[in-house]
Amino acid sequence: MVAAAVEPEGFVVEKAVVVGAADVPTVQVTLDRAHGAEGVDMDAVARLSRLVSAALDDHGESVPGVGTGEYLLEVSSAGVDRPLTERRHWARNVGRLVEVSVDGAAPITARVLEVGADGVELAEHRPGAKKGMPAKTLAPVRVPFAQLGTGAVQVEWGGSQQSTGAARDGKGPADTTEA
């Protein structure tokens, strides 16, 4: 029901759950863009919230856990802490550092350089051998999606994020994950 309301707008449902007390349940919906490098802005969240609310109201009793009474609706986009599990997640994070396991090995920290139809190009990022020494970036490798574990974006402090060609030419995210 929620997916049918947002798909025509170019969005997908990452998660939809009913939580909380039975007398006034909370419907939590997490959305993402189906395609493209941009995320979900606040204007889109507001518009989509109205669409989701109307879809839920139209179905009344057929919504498990909601029924015909009052409910709270929380519509949001997935944040930077969302696990990277799908191609579109990886594509949105070109240029960023991620932690990911490859072939079930111990996790590595790597910069996402490019995302193709079959996998991701990563450049492993290793800290300096001694405190204060610069980090070392290894040669890029292409990793098929089947060999990638779930990725996690790593927040970079101090303006150390590299600019990538994808970010400069508009084919990747121009924003950063710096705090």
C-alpha atoms as a PDB file:
ATOM      1  CA  MET A   1       0.000   0.000   0.000  1.00  0.00           C
ATOM      2  CA  VAL A   2       2.760   2.460   0.933  1.00  0.00           C
ATOM      3  CA  ALA A   3       4.904   1.393  -2.019  1.00  0.00           C
ATOM      4  CA  ALA A   4       1.996   1.936  -4.411  1.00  0.00           C
ATOM      5  CA  ALA A   5       1.630   5.493  -3.079  1.00  0.00           C
ATOM      6  CA  VAL A   6       5.284   6.503  -3.508  1.00  0.00           C
ATOM      7  CA  GLU A   7       6.493   4.530  -6.550  1.00  0.00           C
ATOM      8  CA  PRO A   8       4.798   6.853  -9.104  1.00  0.00           C
ATOM      9  CA  GLU A   9       6.810   9.694  -7.537  1.00  0.00           C
ATOM     10  CA  GLY A  10      10.116   7.832  -8.143  1.00  0.00           C
ATOM     11  CA  PHE A  11      10.646   6.533  -4.599  1.00  0.00           C
ATOM     12  CA  VAL A  12      10.971   3.120  -2.983  1.00  0.00           C
ATOM     13  CA  VAL A  13      10.128   1.942   0.516  1.00  0.00           C
ATOM     14  CA  GLU A  14      13.221   0.952   2.494  1.00  0.00           C
ATOM     15  CA  LYS A  15      11.172   0.048   5.572  1.00  0.00           C
ATOM     16  CA  ALA A  16       7.555   0.257   6.736  1.00  0.00           C
ATOM     17  CA  VAL A  17       6.680  -0.928  10.236  1.00  0.00           C
ATOM     18  CA  VAL A  18       3.974  -0.415  12.833  1.00  0.00           C
ATOM     19  CA  VAL A  19       5.316   0.095  16.356  1.00  0.00           C
ATOM     20  CA  GLY A  20       4.127   1.381  19.701  1.00  0.00           C
ATOM     21  CA  ALA A  21       0.935   1.107  21.709  1.00  0.00           C
ATOM     22  CA  ALA A  22      -2.118  -0.574  20.198  1.00  0.00           C
ATOM     23  CA  ASP A  23      -4.386   2.370  21.076  1.00  0.00           C
ATOM     24  CA  VAL A  24      -2.312   4.850  19.004  1.00  0.00           C
ATOM     25  CA  PRO A  25       0.224   2.941  16.890  1.00  0.00           C
ATOM     26  CA  THR A  26       3.052   4.630  15.012  1.00  0.00           C
ATOM     27  CA  VAL A  27       3.596   3.827  11.335  1.00  0.00           C
ATOM     28  CA  GLN A  28       7.277   4.368  10.521  1.00  0.00           C
ATOM     29  CA  VAL A  29       8.106   4.633   6.823  1.00  0.00           C
ATOM     30  CA  THR A  30      11.638   5.060   5.500  1.00  0.00           C
ATOM     31  CA  LEU A  31      11.914   6.072   1.830  1.00  0.00           C
ATOM     32  CA  ASP A  32      14.644   6.370  -0.767  1.00  0.00           C
ATOM     33  CA  ARG A  33      14.814   7.535  -4.365  1.00  0.00           C
ATOM     34  CA  ALA A  34      14.491   4.665  -6.795  1.00  0.00           C
ATOM     35  CA  HIS A  35      17.197   6.127  -9.061  1.00  0.00           C
ATOM     36  CA  GLY A  36      19.676   8.961  -9.111  1.00  0.00           C
ATOM     37  CA  ALA A  37      22.459  10.213  -6.918  1.00  0.00           C
ATOM     38  CA  GLU A  38      20.448  12.669  -4.862  1.00  0.00           C
ATOM     39  CA  GLY A  39      18.813  11.825  -1.582  1.00  0.00           C
ATOM     40  CA  VAL A  40      15.354  12.665  -0.273  1.00  0.00           C
ATOM     41  CA  ASP A  41      14.915  16.341   0.635  1.00  0.00           C
ATOM     42  CA  MET A  42      12.466  17.714   3.204  1.00  0.00           C
ATOM     43  CA  ASP A  43      10.006  18.961   0.550  1.00  0.00           C
ATOM     44  CA  ALA A  44       9.807  15.448  -0.871  1.00  0.00           C
ATOM     45  CA  VAL A  45       9.325  13.971   2.620  1.00  0.00           C
ATOM     46  CA  ALA A  46       6.416  16.356   3.263  1.00  0.00           C
ATOM     47  CA  ARG A  47       4.784  15.572  -0.110  1.00  0.00           C
ATOM     48  CA  LEU A  48       5.279  11.829   0.298  1.00  0.00           C
ATOM     49  CA  SER A  49       3.986  11.926   3.871  1.00  0.00           C
ATOM     50  CA  ARG A  50       0.670  13.275   2.586  1.00  0.00           C
ATOM     51  CA  LEU A  51       0.518  10.530  -0.069  1.00  0.00           C
ATOM     52  CA  VAL A  52       1.292   7.791   2.461  1.00  0.00           C
ATOM     53  CA  SER A  53      -1.252   9.180   4.920  1.00  0.00           C
ATOM     54  CA  ALA A  54      -3.971   9.224   2.254  1.00  0.00           C
ATOM     55  CA  ALA A  55      -3.121   5.654   1.207  1.00  0.00           C
ATOM     56  CA  LEU A  56      -3.330   4.411   4.803  1.00  0.00           C
ATOM     57  CA  ASP A  57      -6.581   6.300   5.459  1.00  0.00           C
ATOM     58  CA  ASP A  58      -8.127   4.848   2.285  1.00  0.00           C
ATOM     59  CA  HIS A  59      -7.440   1.279   3.476  1.00  0.00           C
ATOM     60  CA  GLY A  60      -8.742   1.726   7.028  1.00  0.00           C
ATOM     61  CA  GLU A  61      -9.184  -1.630   8.760  1.00  0.00           C
ATOM     62  CA  SER A  62      -7.110  -3.563   6.234  1.00  0.00           C
ATOM     63  CA  VAL A  63      -3.863  -2.045   7.584  1.00  0.00           C
ATOM     64  CA  PRO A  64      -2.494  -4.555  10.112  1.00  0.00           C
ATOM     65  CA  GLY A  65      -1.736  -2.921  13.431  1.00  0.00           C
ATOM     66  CA  VAL A  66      -3.437   0.352  12.491  1.00  0.00           C
ATOM     67  CA  GLY A  67      -7.154  -0.342  12.084  1.00  0.00           C
ATOM     68  CA  THR A  68      -9.551   2.586  11.793  1.00  0.00           C
ATOM     69  CA  GLY A  69      -8.453   4.522  14.878  1.00  0.00           C
ATOM     70  CA  GLU A  70      -5.826   7.179  15.268  1.00  0.00           C
ATOM     71  CA  TYR A  71      -2.219   6.545  14.357  1.00  0.00           C
ATOM     72  CA  LEU A  72       0.983   8.531  14.188  1.00  0.00           C
ATOM     73  CA  LEU A  73       2.843   8.624  10.889  1.00  0.00           C
ATOM     74  CA  GLU A  74       6.608   9.104  10.667  1.00  0.00           C
ATOM     75  CA  VAL A  75       7.983   9.414   7.140  1.00  0.00           C
ATOM     76  CA  SER A  76      11.723   9.869   6.722  1.00  0.00           C
ATOM     77  CA  SER A  77      14.637   9.153   4.463  1.00  0.00           C
ATOM     78  CA  ALA A  78      17.400   6.778   5.401  1.00  0.00           C
ATOM     79  CA  GLY A  79      20.313   8.624   7.011  1.00  0.00           C
ATOM     80  CA  VAL A  80      24.030   8.314   6.567  1.00  0.00           C
ATOM     81  CA  ASP A  81      23.954   5.314   8.914  1.00  0.00           C
ATOM     82  CA  ARG A  82      21.790   3.280   6.519  1.00  0.00           C
ATOM     83  CA  PRO A  83      23.483  -0.009   5.593  1.00  0.00           C
ATOM     84  CA  LEU A  84      24.713  -0.102   1.996  1.00  0.00           C
ATOM     85  CA  THR A  85      23.065  -3.197   0.581  1.00  0.00           C
ATOM     86  CA  GLU A  86      21.794  -2.233  -2.866  1.00  0.00           C
ATOM     87  CA  ARG A  87      23.415  -0.801  -5.987  1.00  0.00           C
ATOM     88  CA  ARG A  88      21.597   2.524  -5.524  1.00  0.00           C
ATOM     89  CA  HIS A  89      22.991   2.818  -1.972  1.00  0.00           C
ATOM     90  CA  TRP A  90      26.542   2.360  -3.232  1.00  0.00           C
ATOM     91  CA  ALA A  91      26.009   4.752  -6.164  1.00  0.00           C
ATOM     92  CA  ARG A  92      24.829   7.493  -3.831  1.00  0.00           C
ATOM     93  CA  ASN A  93      28.084   7.184  -1.878  1.00  0.00           C
ATOM     94  CA  VAL A  94      30.685   7.505  -4.630  1.00  0.00           C
ATOM     95  CA  GLY A  95      33.613   9.444  -3.171  1.00  0.00           C
ATOM     96  CA  ARG A  96      32.917   8.478   0.426  1.00  0.00           C
ATOM     97  CA  LEU A  97      34.786   6.190   2.786  1.00  0.00           C
ATOM     98  CA  VAL A  98      32.953   3.016   3.733  1.00  0.00           C
ATOM     99  CA  GLU A  99      33.622   0.020   5.916  1.00  0.00           C
ATOM    100  CA  VAL A 100      32.820  -3.232   4.154  1.00  0.00           C
ATOM    101  CA  SER A 101      33.708  -6.897   4.254  1.00  0.00           C
ATOM    102  CA  VAL A 102      34.817  -8.484   0.975  1.00  0.00           C
ATOM    103  CA  ASP A 103      34.285 -12.232   0.582  1.00  0.00           C
ATOM    104  CA  GLY A 104      33.506 -12.576   4.296  1.00  0.00           C
ATOM    105  CA  ALA A 105      36.979 -11.359   5.348  1.00  0.00           C
ATOM    106  CA  ALA A 106      37.559  -8.830   8.110  1.00  0.00           C
ATOM    107  CA  PRO A 107      36.081  -5.435   7.229  1.00  0.00           C
ATOM    108  CA  ILE A 108      38.218  -2.887   5.422  1.00  0.00           C
ATOM    109  CA  THR A 109      37.880   0.861   5.078  1.00  0.00           C
ATOM    110  CA  ALA A 110      37.836   1.946   1.445  1.00  0.00           C
ATOM    111  CA  ARG A 111      36.805   4.846  -0.733  1.00  0.00           C
ATOM    112  CA  VAL A 112      34.007   4.129  -3.232  1.00  0.00           C
ATOM    113  CA  LEU A 113      35.406   5.255  -6.572  1.00  0.00           C
ATOM    114  CA  GLU A 114      32.819   3.987  -9.035  1.00  0.00           C
ATOM    115  CA  VAL A 115      29.709   1.846  -9.163  1.00  0.00           C
ATOM    116  CA  GLY A 116      28.914  -0.232 -12.216  1.00  0.00           C
ATOM    117  CA  ALA A 117      26.208  -2.684 -13.154  1.00  0.00           C
ATOM    118  CA  ASP A 118      28.179  -5.631 -11.750  1.00  0.00           C
ATOM    119  CA  GLY A 119      30.065  -4.187  -8.783  1.00  0.00           C
ATOM    120  CA  VAL A 120      31.926  -1.426  -7.016  1.00  0.00           C
ATOM    121  CA  GLU A 121      35.427  -0.040  -7.512  1.00  0.00           C
ATOM    122  CA  LEU A 122      37.076   0.453  -4.126  1.00  0.00           C
ATOM    123  CA  ALA A 123      40.430   1.894  -3.046  1.00  0.00           C
ATOM    124  CA  GLU A 124      41.362   0.511   0.363  1.00  0.00           C
ATOM    125  CA  HIS A 125      42.326   3.212   2.852  1.00  0.00           C
ATOM    126  CA  ARG A 126      44.819   2.181   5.535  1.00  0.00           C
ATOM    127  CA  PRO A 127      45.850   4.420   8.432  1.00  0.00           C
ATOM    128  CA  GLY A 128      49.466   5.551   8.695  1.00  0.00           C
ATOM    129  CA  ALA A 129      51.902   3.055  10.202  1.00  0.00           C
ATOM    130  CA  LYS A 130      52.614   5.449  13.079  1.00  0.00           C
ATOM    131  CA  LYS A 131      50.549   8.110  14.762  1.00  0.00           C
ATOM    132  CA  GLY A 132      50.611  11.309  12.721  1.00  0.00           C
ATOM    133  CA  MET A 133      51.672   9.587   9.495  1.00  0.00           C
ATOM    134  CA  PRO A 134      49.404  10.010   6.475  1.00  0.00           C
ATOM    135  CA  ALA A 135      46.993   7.273   5.494  1.00  0.00           C
ATOM    136  CA  LYS A 136      47.889   5.007   2.609  1.00  0.00           C
ATOM    137  CA  THR A 137      45.470   4.384  -0.247  1.00  0.00           C
ATOM    138  CA  LEU A 138      45.937   1.113  -2.121  1.00  0.00           C
ATOM    139  CA  ALA A 139      45.360   0.575  -5.832  1.00  0.00           C
ATOM    140  CA  PRO A 140      41.670   0.429  -6.812  1.00  0.00           C
ATOM    141  CA  VAL A 141      40.018  -2.965  -7.221  1.00  0.00           C
ATOM    142  CA  ARG A 142      36.674  -3.895  -8.747  1.00  0.00           C
ATOM    143  CA  VAL A 143      34.552  -5.995  -6.350  1.00  0.00           C
ATOM    144  CA  PRO A 144      31.439  -7.778  -7.673  1.00  0.00           C
ATOM    145  CA  PHE A 145      28.260  -7.148  -5.679  1.00  0.00           C
ATOM    146  CA  ALA A 146      28.078 -10.872  -4.830  1.00  0.00           C
ATOM    147  CA  GLN A 147      31.385 -10.550  -2.901  1.00  0.00           C
ATOM    148  CA  LEU A 148      30.442  -7.372  -1.006  1.00  0.00           C
ATOM    149  CA  GLY A 149      29.121  -7.514   2.497  1.00  0.00           C
ATOM    150  CA  THR A 150      26.913  -4.782   3.896  1.00  0.00           C
ATOM    151  CA  GLY A 151      28.706  -1.443   3.747  1.00  0.00           C
ATOM    152  CA  ALA A 152      28.630   1.403   6.266  1.00  0.00           C
ATOM    153  CA  VAL A 153      29.545   5.006   5.446  1.00  0.00           C
ATOM    154  CA  GLN A 154      32.385   6.318   7.594  1.00  0.00           C
ATOM    155  CA  VAL A 155      32.091   9.932   8.660  1.00  0.00           C
ATOM    156  CA  GLU A 156      35.261  11.843   7.846  1.00  0.00           C
ATOM    157  CA  TRP A 157      36.440  14.565  10.200  1.00  0.00           C
ATOM    158  CA  GLY A 158      38.619  17.480   9.261  1.00  0.00           C
ATOM    159  CA  GLY A 159      37.822  17.922   5.574  1.00  0.00           C
ATOM    160  CA  SER A 160      39.742  14.892   4.366  1.00  0.00           C
ATOM    161  CA  GLN A 161      37.183  13.685   1.834  1.00  0.00           C
ATOM    162  CA  GLN A 162      38.547  13.501  -1.678  1.00  0.00           C
ATOM    163  CA  SER A 163      36.683  15.014  -4.577  1.00  0.00           C
ATOM    164  CA  THR A 164      35.970  12.490  -7.304  1.00  0.00           C
ATOM    165  CA  GLY A 165      35.379  12.950 -10.998  1.00  0.00           C
ATOM    166  CA  ALA A 166      31.841  11.657 -10.485  1.00  0.00           C
ATOM    167  CA  ALA A 167      31.136  14.323  -7.883  1.00  0.00           C
ATOM    168  CA  ARG A 168      32.609  17.066 -10.073  1.00  0.00           C
ATOM    169  CA  ASP A 169      30.819  16.089 -13.276  1.00  0.00           C
ATOM    170  CA  GLY A 170      27.360  15.765 -11.730  1.00  0.00           C
ATOM    171  CA  LYS A 171      27.143  11.970 -12.005  1.00  0.00           C
ATOM    172  CA  GLY A 172      27.748  11.420  -8.299  1.00  0.00           C
ATOM    173  CA  PRO A 173      27.058  13.155  -5.018  1.00  0.00           C
ATOM    174  CA  ALA A 174      28.490  16.638  -4.706  1.00  0.00           C
ATOM    175  CA  ASP A 175      27.836  16.795  -0.960  1.00  0.00           C
ATOM    176  CA  THR A 176      30.152  15.321   1.646  1.00  0.00           C
ATOM    177  CA  THR A 177      29.737  13.283   4.775  1.00  0.00           C
ATOM    178  CA  GLU A 178      32.072  15.474   6.770  1.00  0.00           C
ATOM    179  CA  ALA A 179      30.962  16.543  10.217  1.00  0.00           C
END
